[in-house]
Amino acid sequence: MELTVERVQTGIRIEKRLLKVLKGLAEYHDLSVGDLLEGIVLHAFEGKAPFGHESRQKIVDLKKIYGLDLDSSASHKLIEREKPSKKGPGKKGPTKKGAKRT
């Protein structure tokens, strides 16, 4: 049975290695990452496990490949690493017109 839905494009930020595992799993199941995420969320909303034994084993393998050492205990505890400034050492950003740098 097919269901007609309206999808929207969204921009989300996600941990880099987690995304690699999701992409690998989506490829394994011949799905898009969006379709995979929809399935995971729909299962979670019903309190059901989204993956069977074979998929869980594939996830273990993909986590090893991509160095993903996070588990559910990390949920809501992740903080973003500060990115280094593109300015070189000792350089200052632009000043207002006519202002002097100190």
PDB file of N, CA and C in Angstrom:
ATOM      1  N   MET A   1       0.838  -1.175   0.000  1.00  0.00           N
ATOM      2  CA  MET A   1       0.000   0.000   0.000  1.00  0.00           C
ATOM      3  C   MET A   1       0.889   1.246   0.000  1.00  0.00           C
ATOM      4  N   GLU A   2       0.695   2.132  -0.919  1.00  0.00           N
ATOM      5  CA  GLU A   2       1.444   3.384  -0.985  1.00  0.00           C
ATOM      6  C   GLU A   2       0.616   4.506  -0.369  1.00  0.00           C
ATOM      7  N   LEU A   3       1.276   5.410   0.299  1.00  0.00           N
ATOM      8  CA  LEU A   3       0.621   6.559   0.914  1.00  0.00           C
ATOM      9  C   LEU A   3       1.208   7.824   0.322  1.00  0.00           C
ATOM     10  N   THR A   4       0.376   8.733  -0.089  1.00  0.00           N
ATOM     11  CA  THR A   4       0.837   9.998  -0.643  1.00  0.00           C
ATOM     12  C   THR A   4       1.085  10.973   0.505  1.00  0.00           C
ATOM     13  N   VAL A   5       2.262  11.571   0.510  1.00  0.00           N
ATOM     14  CA  VAL A   5       2.640  12.521   1.559  1.00  0.00           C
ATOM     15  C   VAL A   5       3.243  13.758   0.924  1.00  0.00           C
ATOM     16  N   GLU A   6       3.383  14.802   1.706  1.00  0.00           N
ATOM     17  CA  GLU A   6       4.085  16.006   1.263  1.00  0.00           C
ATOM     18  C   GLU A   6       5.391  16.091   2.043  1.00  0.00           C
ATOM     19  N   ARG A   7       6.488  16.051   1.330  1.00  0.00           N
ATOM     20  CA  ARG A   7       7.803  16.139   1.976  1.00  0.00           C
ATOM     21  C   ARG A   7       8.337  17.558   1.818  1.00  0.00           C
ATOM     22  N   VAL A   8       9.159  17.964   2.782  1.00  0.00           N
ATOM     23  CA  VAL A   8       9.801  19.274   2.735  1.00  0.00           C
ATOM     24  C   VAL A   8      11.305  19.086   2.845  1.00  0.00           C
ATOM     25  N   GLN A   9      12.030  19.979   2.220  1.00  0.00           N
ATOM     26  CA  GLN A   9      13.491  19.966   2.325  1.00  0.00           C
ATOM     27  C   GLN A   9      13.866  20.664   3.616  1.00  0.00           C
ATOM     28  N   THR A  10      14.779  20.077   4.356  1.00  0.00           N
ATOM     29  CA  THR A  10      15.196  20.664   5.624  1.00  0.00           C
ATOM     30  C   THR A  10      16.708  20.592   5.744  1.00  0.00           C
ATOM     31  N   GLY A  11      17.244  21.503   6.470  1.00  0.00           N
ATOM     32  CA  GLY A  11      18.671  21.475   6.747  1.00  0.00           C
ATOM     33  C   GLY A  11      18.863  21.113   8.206  1.00  0.00           C
ATOM     34  N   ILE A  12      19.498  19.986   8.466  1.00  0.00           N
ATOM     35  CA  ILE A  12      19.760  19.590   9.844  1.00  0.00           C
ATOM     36  C   ILE A  12      21.259  19.455  10.044  1.00  0.00           C
ATOM     37  N   ARG A  13      21.674  19.648  11.269  1.00  0.00           N
ATOM     38  CA  ARG A  13      23.074  19.418  11.612  1.00  0.00           C
ATOM     39  C   ARG A  13      23.128  18.111  12.370  1.00  0.00           C
ATOM     40  N   ILE A  14      24.096  17.267  12.020  1.00  0.00           N
ATOM     41  CA  ILE A  14      24.188  15.944  12.625  1.00  0.00           C
ATOM     42  C   ILE A  14      25.667  15.584  12.757  1.00  0.00           C
ATOM     43  N   GLU A  15      25.995  14.829  13.760  1.00  0.00           N
ATOM     44  CA  GLU A  15      27.383  14.429  13.990  1.00  0.00           C
ATOM     45  C   GLU A  15      27.905  13.701  12.749  1.00  0.00           C
ATOM     46  N   LYS A  16      29.098  14.054  12.342  1.00  0.00           N
ATOM     47  CA  LYS A  16      29.677  13.613  11.072  1.00  0.00           C
ATOM     48  C   LYS A  16      29.739  12.087  10.934  1.00  0.00           C
ATOM     49  N   ARG A  17      30.236  11.398  11.939  1.00  0.00           N
ATOM     50  CA  ARG A  17      30.379   9.936  11.843  1.00  0.00           C
ATOM     51  C   ARG A  17      29.013   9.250  11.871  1.00  0.00           C
ATOM     52  N   LEU A  18      28.079   9.841  12.614  1.00  0.00           N
ATOM     53  CA  LEU A  18      26.722   9.294  12.659  1.00  0.00           C
ATOM     54  C   LEU A  18      26.080   9.362  11.272  1.00  0.00           C
ATOM     55  N   LEU A  19      26.286  10.472  10.586  1.00  0.00           N
ATOM     56  CA  LEU A  19      25.760  10.602   9.230  1.00  0.00           C
ATOM     57  C   LEU A  19      26.389   9.582   8.287  1.00  0.00           C
ATOM     58  N   LYS A  20      27.672   9.336   8.441  1.00  0.00           N
ATOM     59  CA  LYS A  20      28.329   8.345   7.580  1.00  0.00           C
ATOM     60  C   LYS A  20      27.726   6.954   7.788  1.00  0.00           C
ATOM     61  N   VAL A  21      27.455   6.608   9.048  1.00  0.00           N
ATOM     62  CA  VAL A  21      26.829   5.315   9.329  1.00  0.00           C
ATOM     63  C   VAL A  21      25.419   5.268   8.732  1.00  0.00           C
ATOM     64  N   LEU A  22      24.653   6.351   8.896  1.00  0.00           N
ATOM     65  CA  LEU A  22      23.315   6.397   8.316  1.00  0.00           C
ATOM     66  C   LEU A  22      23.357   6.255   6.794  1.00  0.00           C
ATOM     67  N   LYS A  23      24.302   6.947   6.154  1.00  0.00           N
ATOM     68  CA  LYS A  23      24.418   6.843   4.694  1.00  0.00           C
ATOM     69  C   LYS A  23      24.779   5.417   4.281  1.00  0.00           C
ATOM     70  N   GLY A  24      25.692   4.804   5.019  1.00  0.00           N
ATOM     71  CA  GLY A  24      26.085   3.430   4.710  1.00  0.00           C
ATOM     72  C   GLY A  24      24.918   2.464   4.880  1.00  0.00           C
ATOM     73  N   LEU A  25      24.146   2.649   5.948  1.00  0.00           N
ATOM     74  CA  LEU A  25      22.999   1.785   6.189  1.00  0.00           C
ATOM     75  C   LEU A  25      21.912   2.003   5.139  1.00  0.00           C
ATOM     76  N   ALA A  26      21.697   3.265   4.769  1.00  0.00           N
ATOM     77  CA  ALA A  26      20.722   3.567   3.721  1.00  0.00           C
ATOM     78  C   ALA A  26      21.135   2.905   2.409  1.00  0.00           C
ATOM     79  N   GLU A  27      22.395   2.995   2.077  1.00  0.00           N
ATOM     80  CA  GLU A  27      22.905   2.362   0.851  1.00  0.00           C
ATOM     81  C   GLU A  27      22.719   0.847   0.921  1.00  0.00           C
ATOM     82  N   TYR A  28      23.009   0.265   2.069  1.00  0.00           N
ATOM     83  CA  TYR A  28      22.851  -1.180   2.268  1.00  0.00           C
ATOM     84  C   TYR A  28      21.414  -1.620   1.996  1.00  0.00           C
ATOM     85  N   HIS A  29      20.448  -0.802   2.416  1.00  0.00           N
ATOM     86  CA  HIS A  29      19.032  -1.126   2.233  1.00  0.00           C
ATOM     87  C   HIS A  29      18.448  -0.521   0.951  1.00  0.00           C
ATOM     88  N   ASP A  30      19.295   0.110   0.141  1.00  0.00           N
ATOM     89  CA  ASP A  30      18.870   0.741  -1.107  1.00  0.00           C
ATOM     90  C   ASP A  30      17.765   1.771  -0.864  1.00  0.00           C
ATOM     91  N   LEU A  31      17.998   2.622   0.142  1.00  0.00           N
ATOM     92  CA  LEU A  31      17.081   3.703   0.511  1.00  0.00           C
ATOM     93  C   LEU A  31      17.827   5.020   0.494  1.00  0.00           C
ATOM     94  N   SER A  32      17.079   6.105   0.446  1.00  0.00           N
ATOM     95  CA  SER A  32      17.699   7.409   0.675  1.00  0.00           C
ATOM     96  C   SER A  32      17.845   7.581   2.189  1.00  0.00           C
ATOM     97  N   VAL A  33      18.713   8.484   2.604  1.00  0.00           N
ATOM     98  CA  VAL A  33      18.868   8.760   4.033  1.00  0.00           C
ATOM     99  C   VAL A  33      17.543   9.283   4.601  1.00  0.00           C
ATOM    100  N   GLY A  34      16.839  10.100   3.834  1.00  0.00           N
ATOM    101  CA  GLY A  34      15.547  10.610   4.280  1.00  0.00           C
ATOM    102  C   GLY A  34      14.539   9.496   4.526  1.00  0.00           C
ATOM    103  N   ASP A  35      14.458   8.534   3.597  1.00  0.00           N
ATOM    104  CA  ASP A  35      13.546   7.398   3.783  1.00  0.00           C
ATOM    105  C   ASP A  35      13.935   6.574   5.009  1.00  0.00           C
ATOM    106  N   LEU A  36      15.231   6.375   5.198  1.00  0.00           N
ATOM    107  CA  LEU A  36      15.703   5.631   6.367  1.00  0.00           C
ATOM    108  C   LEU A  36      15.307   6.355   7.658  1.00  0.00           C
ATOM    109  N   LEU A  37      15.549   7.670   7.705  1.00  0.00           N
ATOM    110  CA  LEU A  37      15.201   8.445   8.902  1.00  0.00           C
ATOM    111  C   LEU A  37      13.696   8.435   9.171  1.00  0.00           C
ATOM    112  N   GLU A  38      12.897   8.541   8.106  1.00  0.00           N
ATOM    113  CA  GLU A  38      11.442   8.469   8.292  1.00  0.00           C
ATOM    114  C   GLU A  38      11.043   7.150   8.942  1.00  0.00           C
ATOM    115  N   GLY A  39      11.622   6.056   8.465  1.00  0.00           N
ATOM    116  CA  GLY A  39      11.316   4.743   9.037  1.00  0.00           C
ATOM    117  C   GLY A  39      11.739   4.631  10.487  1.00  0.00           C
ATOM    118  N   ILE A  40      12.941   5.135  10.798  1.00  0.00           N
ATOM    119  CA  ILE A  40      13.432   5.097  12.182  1.00  0.00           C
ATOM    120  C   ILE A  40      12.496   5.876  13.097  1.00  0.00           C
ATOM    121  N   VAL A  41      12.131   7.074  12.684  1.00  0.00           N
ATOM    122  CA  VAL A  41      11.280   7.935  13.510  1.00  0.00           C
ATOM    123  C   VAL A  41       9.889   7.342  13.679  1.00  0.00           C
ATOM    124  N   LEU A  42       9.300   6.830  12.609  1.00  0.00           N
ATOM    125  CA  LEU A  42       7.967   6.233  12.721  1.00  0.00           C
ATOM    126  C   LEU A  42       7.973   5.039  13.682  1.00  0.00           C
ATOM    127  N   HIS A  43       9.028   4.219  13.628  1.00  0.00           N
ATOM    128  CA  HIS A  43       9.143   3.113  14.581  1.00  0.00           C
ATOM    129  C   HIS A  43       9.298   3.645  16.004  1.00  0.00           C
ATOM    130  N   ALA A  44      10.164   4.643  16.179  1.00  0.00           N
ATOM    131  CA  ALA A  44      10.406   5.200  17.514  1.00  0.00           C
ATOM    132  C   ALA A  44       9.139   5.804  18.108  1.00  0.00           C
ATOM    133  N   PHE A  45       8.341   6.472  17.285  1.00  0.00           N
ATOM    134  CA  PHE A  45       7.097   7.074  17.766  1.00  0.00           C
ATOM    135  C   PHE A  45       6.130   6.021  18.328  1.00  0.00           C
ATOM    136  N   GLU A  46       6.261   4.789  17.862  1.00  0.00           N
ATOM    137  CA  GLU A  46       5.402   3.715  18.350  1.00  0.00           C
ATOM    138  C   GLU A  46       6.098   2.843  19.392  1.00  0.00           C
ATOM    139  N   GLY A  47       7.310   3.235  19.780  1.00  0.00           N
ATOM    140  CA  GLY A  47       8.058   2.459  20.767  1.00  0.00           C
ATOM    141  C   GLY A  47       8.570   1.135  20.227  1.00  0.00           C
ATOM    142  N   LYS A  48       8.726   1.047  18.908  1.00  0.00           N
ATOM    143  CA  LYS A  48       9.193  -0.182  18.265  1.00  0.00           C
ATOM    144  C   LYS A  48      10.644  -0.033  17.839  1.00  0.00           C
ATOM    145  N   ALA A  49      11.358  -1.135  17.853  1.00  0.00           N
ATOM    146  CA  ALA A  49      12.738  -1.135  17.371  1.00  0.00           C
ATOM    147  C   ALA A  49      12.723  -1.051  15.847  1.00  0.00           C
ATOM    148  N   PRO A  50      13.510  -0.136  15.271  1.00  0.00           N
ATOM    149  CA  PRO A  50      13.475   0.036  13.818  1.00  0.00           C
ATOM    150  C   PRO A  50      14.302  -0.985  13.037  1.00  0.00           C
ATOM    151  N   PHE A  51      15.163  -1.745  13.729  1.00  0.00           N
ATOM    152  CA  PHE A  51      16.083  -2.631  13.017  1.00  0.00           C
ATOM    153  C   PHE A  51      16.025  -4.054  13.555  1.00  0.00           C
ATOM    154  N   GLY A  52      16.133  -4.991  12.633  1.00  0.00           N
ATOM    155  CA  GLY A  52      16.250  -6.393  12.995  1.00  0.00           C
ATOM    156  C   GLY A  52      17.713  -6.757  13.217  1.00  0.00           C
ATOM    157  N   HIS A  53      17.954  -8.033  13.475  1.00  0.00           N
ATOM    158  CA  HIS A  53      19.300  -8.523  13.793  1.00  0.00           C
ATOM    159  C   HIS A  53      20.316  -8.206  12.687  1.00  0.00           C
ATOM    160  N   GLU A  54      19.956  -8.473  11.451  1.00  0.00           N
ATOM    161  CA  GLU A  54      20.893  -8.263  10.333  1.00  0.00           C
ATOM    162  C   GLU A  54      21.288  -6.791  10.211  1.00  0.00           C
ATOM    163  N   SER A  55      20.321  -5.894  10.327  1.00  0.00           N
ATOM    164  CA  SER A  55      20.618  -4.457  10.240  1.00  0.00           C
ATOM    165  C   SER A  55      21.452  -3.987  11.426  1.00  0.00           C
ATOM    166  N   ARG A  56      21.165  -4.507  12.610  1.00  0.00           N
ATOM    167  CA  ARG A  56      21.961  -4.117  13.787  1.00  0.00           C
ATOM    168  C   ARG A  56      23.407  -4.560  13.631  1.00  0.00           C
ATOM    169  N   GLN A  57      23.620  -5.745  13.051  1.00  0.00           N
ATOM    170  CA  GLN A  57      24.988  -6.205  12.822  1.00  0.00           C
ATOM    171  C   GLN A  57      25.688  -5.309  11.799  1.00  0.00           C
ATOM    172  N   LYS A  58      24.966  -4.893  10.769  1.00  0.00           N
ATOM    173  CA  LYS A  58      25.536  -3.986   9.765  1.00  0.00           C
ATOM    174  C   LYS A  58      25.900  -2.656  10.418  1.00  0.00           C
ATOM    175  N   ILE A  59      25.066  -2.183  11.334  1.00  0.00           N
ATOM    176  CA  ILE A  59      25.353  -0.937  12.051  1.00  0.00           C
ATOM    177  C   ILE A  59      26.634  -1.086  12.864  1.00  0.00           C
ATOM    178  N   VAL A  60      26.811  -2.208  13.546  1.00  0.00           N
ATOM    179  CA  VAL A  60      28.040  -2.461  14.312  1.00  0.00           C
ATOM    180  C   VAL A  60      29.247  -2.366  13.380  1.00  0.00           C
ATOM    181  N   ASP A  61      29.147  -3.006  12.219  1.00  0.00           N
ATOM    182  CA  ASP A  61      30.246  -2.981  11.246  1.00  0.00           C
ATOM    183  C   ASP A  61      30.526  -1.559  10.761  1.00  0.00           C
ATOM    184  N   LEU A  62      29.475  -0.819  10.420  1.00  0.00           N
ATOM    185  CA  LEU A  62      29.648   0.549   9.921  1.00  0.00           C
ATOM    186  C   LEU A  62      30.212   1.465  11.004  1.00  0.00           C
ATOM    187  N   LYS A  63      29.797   1.281  12.253  1.00  0.00           N
ATOM    188  CA  LYS A  63      30.342   2.089  13.354  1.00  0.00           C
ATOM    189  C   LYS A  63      31.845   1.869  13.492  1.00  0.00           C
ATOM    190  N   LYS A  64      32.296   0.629  13.316  1.00  0.00           N
ATOM    191  CA  LYS A  64      33.737   0.330  13.369  1.00  0.00           C
ATOM    192  C   LYS A  64      34.457   1.007  12.213  1.00  0.00           C
ATOM    193  N   ILE A  65      33.892   0.891  11.022  1.00  0.00           N
ATOM    194  CA  ILE A  65      34.519   1.472   9.827  1.00  0.00           C
ATOM    195  C   ILE A  65      34.692   2.983   9.983  1.00  0.00           C
ATOM    196  N   TYR A  66      33.658   3.665  10.484  1.00  0.00           N
ATOM    197  CA  TYR A  66      33.678   5.122  10.557  1.00  0.00           C
ATOM    198  C   TYR A  66      34.088   5.659  11.934  1.00  0.00           C
ATOM    199  N   GLY A  67      34.500   4.773  12.838  1.00  0.00           N
ATOM    200  CA  GLY A  67      35.002   5.215  14.136  1.00  0.00           C
ATOM    201  C   GLY A  67      33.938   5.857  15.014  1.00  0.00           C
ATOM    202  N   LEU A  68      32.699   5.433  14.878  1.00  0.00           N
ATOM    203  CA  LEU A  68      31.613   5.991  15.683  1.00  0.00           C
ATOM    204  C   LEU A  68      31.568   5.259  17.020  1.00  0.00           C
ATOM    205  N   ASP A  69      31.981   5.955  18.069  1.00  0.00           N
ATOM    206  CA  ASP A  69      32.026   5.353  19.399  1.00  0.00           C
ATOM    207  C   ASP A  69      30.917   5.878  20.310  1.00  0.00           C
ATOM    208  N   LEU A  70      29.923   6.535  19.739  1.00  0.00           N
ATOM    209  CA  LEU A  70      28.816   7.072  20.515  1.00  0.00           C
ATOM    210  C   LEU A  70      27.709   6.024  20.637  1.00  0.00           C
ATOM    211  N   ASP A  71      26.986   6.086  21.754  1.00  0.00           N
ATOM    212  CA  ASP A  71      25.797   5.254  21.916  1.00  0.00           C
ATOM    213  C   ASP A  71      24.687   6.122  22.480  1.00  0.00           C
ATOM    214  N   SER A  72      23.570   5.508  22.840  1.00  0.00           N
ATOM    215  CA  SER A  72      22.408   6.288  23.278  1.00  0.00           C
ATOM    216  C   SER A  72      22.678   7.114  24.529  1.00  0.00           C
ATOM    217  N   SER A  73      23.682   6.749  25.320  1.00  0.00           N
ATOM    218  CA  SER A  73      23.988   7.539  26.520  1.00  0.00           C
ATOM    219  C   SER A  73      24.529   8.928  26.156  1.00  0.00           C
ATOM    220  N   ALA A  74      24.977   9.106  24.929  1.00  0.00           N
ATOM    221  CA  ALA A  74      25.490  10.409  24.478  1.00  0.00           C
ATOM    222  C   ALA A  74      24.373  11.345  24.027  1.00  0.00           C
ATOM    223  N   SER A  75      23.165  10.822  23.918  1.00  0.00           N
ATOM    224  CA  SER A  75      22.040  11.619  23.432  1.00  0.00           C
ATOM    225  C   SER A  75      21.836  12.866  24.276  1.00  0.00           C
ATOM    226  N   HIS A  76      21.697  13.988  23.624  1.00  0.00           N
ATOM    227  CA  HIS A  76      21.467  15.303  24.247  1.00  0.00           C
ATOM    228  C   HIS A  76      22.662  15.796  25.063  1.00  0.00           C
ATOM    229  N   LYS A  77      23.829  15.190  24.886  1.00  0.00           N
ATOM    230  CA  LYS A  77      25.030  15.619  25.610  1.00  0.00           C
ATOM    231  C   LYS A  77      26.127  16.103  24.664  1.00  0.00           C
ATOM    232  N   LEU A  78      25.899  16.023  23.375  1.00  0.00           N
ATOM    233  CA  LEU A  78      26.926  16.370  22.398  1.00  0.00           C
ATOM    234  C   LEU A  78      27.043  17.880  22.276  1.00  0.00           C
ATOM    235  N   ILE A  79      28.260  18.354  22.265  1.00  0.00           N
ATOM    236  CA  ILE A  79      28.515  19.776  22.032  1.00  0.00           C
ATOM    237  C   ILE A  79      29.410  19.895  20.816  1.00  0.00           C
ATOM    238  N   GLU A  80      29.248  20.977  20.102  1.00  0.00           N
ATOM    239  CA  GLU A  80      29.997  21.174  18.859  1.00  0.00           C
ATOM    240  C   GLU A  80      31.401  21.674  19.164  1.00  0.00           C
ATOM    241  N   ARG A  81      32.378  21.083  18.492  1.00  0.00           N
ATOM    242  CA  ARG A  81      33.765  21.523  18.606  1.00  0.00           C
ATOM    243  C   ARG A  81      33.870  22.899  17.978  1.00  0.00           C
ATOM    244  N   GLU A  82      34.606  23.787  18.637  1.00  0.00           N
ATOM    245  CA  GLU A  82      34.803  25.117  18.054  1.00  0.00           C
ATOM    246  C   GLU A  82      35.727  24.996  16.866  1.00  0.00           C
ATOM    247  N   LYS A  83      35.323  25.621  15.770  1.00  0.00           N
ATOM    248  CA  LYS A  83      36.135  25.588  14.562  1.00  0.00           C
ATOM    249  C   LYS A  83      37.218  26.642  14.675  1.00  0.00           C
ATOM    250  N   PRO A  84      38.439  26.322  14.224  1.00  0.00           N
ATOM    251  CA  PRO A  84      39.498  27.329  14.264  1.00  0.00           C
ATOM    252  C   PRO A  84      39.150  28.506  13.360  1.00  0.00           C
ATOM    253  N   SER A  85      39.570  29.679  13.775  1.00  0.00           N
ATOM    254  CA  SER A  85      39.325  30.884  12.999  1.00  0.00           C
ATOM    255  C   SER A  85      40.064  30.804  11.676  1.00  0.00           C
ATOM    256  N   LYS A  86      39.477  31.375  10.628  1.00  0.00           N
ATOM    257  CA  LYS A  86      40.131  31.398   9.320  1.00  0.00           C
ATOM    258  C   LYS A  86      41.203  32.478   9.263  1.00  0.00           C
ATOM    259  N   LYS A  87      41.174  33.369  10.247  1.00  0.00           N
ATOM    260  CA  LYS A  87      42.184  34.424  10.296  1.00  0.00           C
ATOM    261  C   LYS A  87      43.473  33.820  10.826  1.00  0.00           C
ATOM    262  N   GLY A  88      44.572  34.289  10.336  1.00  0.00           N
ATOM    263  CA  GLY A  88      45.863  33.806  10.811  1.00  0.00           C
ATOM    264  C   GLY A  88      46.168  34.336  12.191  1.00  0.00           C
ATOM    265  N   PRO A  89      47.220  33.815  12.821  1.00  0.00           N
ATOM    266  CA  PRO A  89      47.580  34.285  14.155  1.00  0.00           C
ATOM    267  C   PRO A  89      47.903  35.778  14.141  1.00  0.00           C
ATOM    268  N   GLY A  90      47.393  36.485  15.113  1.00  0.00           N
ATOM    269  CA  GLY A  90      47.681  37.915  15.243  1.00  0.00           C
ATOM    270  C   GLY A  90      46.873  38.809  14.328  1.00  0.00           C
ATOM    271  N   LYS A  91      46.114  38.243  13.412  1.00  0.00           N
ATOM    272  CA  LYS A  91      45.317  39.060  12.506  1.00  0.00           C
ATOM    273  C   LYS A  91      43.999  39.400  13.181  1.00  0.00           C
ATOM    274  N   LYS A  92      43.533  40.570  12.895  1.00  0.00           N
ATOM    275  CA  LYS A  92      42.259  41.000  13.443  1.00  0.00           C
ATOM    276  C   LYS A  92      41.270  41.147  12.315  1.00  0.00           C
ATOM    277  N   GLY A  93      40.001  41.066  12.664  1.00  0.00           N
ATOM    278  CA  GLY A  93      38.952  41.204  11.673  1.00  0.00           C
ATOM    279  C   GLY A  93      38.846  42.623  11.175  1.00  0.00           C
ATOM    280  N   PRO A  94      37.909  42.870  10.291  1.00  0.00           N
ATOM    281  CA  PRO A  94      37.738  44.211   9.724  1.00  0.00           C
ATOM    282  C   PRO A  94      37.305  45.206  10.801  1.00  0.00           C
ATOM    283  N   THR A  95      37.691  46.451  10.573  1.00  0.00           N
ATOM    284  CA  THR A  95      37.285  47.515  11.502  1.00  0.00           C
ATOM    285  C   THR A  95      36.256  48.388  10.804  1.00  0.00           C
ATOM    286  N   LYS A  96      35.549  49.157  11.600  1.00  0.00           N
ATOM    287  CA  LYS A  96      34.600  50.103  11.008  1.00  0.00           C
ATOM    288  C   LYS A  96      35.372  51.148  10.240  1.00  0.00           C
ATOM    289  N   LYS A  97      34.751  51.681   9.203  1.00  0.00           N
ATOM    290  CA  LYS A  97      35.397  52.668   8.368  1.00  0.00           C
ATOM    291  C   LYS A  97      35.870  53.837   9.236  1.00  0.00           C
ATOM    292  N   GLY A  98      37.143  54.159   9.125  1.00  0.00           N
ATOM    293  CA  GLY A  98      37.713  55.296   9.860  1.00  0.00           C
ATOM    294  C   GLY A  98      38.202  54.918  11.247  1.00  0.00           C
ATOM    295  N   ALA A  99      37.889  53.703  11.731  1.00  0.00           N
ATOM    296  CA  ALA A  99      38.330  53.307  13.067  1.00  0.00           C
ATOM    297  C   ALA A  99      39.769  52.821  12.995  1.00  0.00           C
ATOM    298  N   LYS A 100      40.484  52.993  14.075  1.00  0.00           N
ATOM    299  CA  LYS A 100      41.873  52.564  14.140  1.00  0.00           C
ATOM    300  C   LYS A 100      41.964  51.228  14.870  1.00  0.00           C
ATOM    301  N   ARG A 101      42.863  50.419  14.421  1.00  0.00           N
ATOM    302  CA  ARG A 101      43.134  49.166  15.150  1.00  0.00           C
ATOM    303  C   ARG A 101      44.127  49.481  16.248  1.00  0.00           C
ATOM    304  N   THR A 102      43.945  48.810  17.370  1.00  0.00           N
ATOM    305  CA  THR A 102      44.880  49.039  18.485  1.00  0.00           C
ATOM    306  C   THR A 102      45.800  47.894  18.642  1.00  0.00           C
TER     307      THR A 102
END
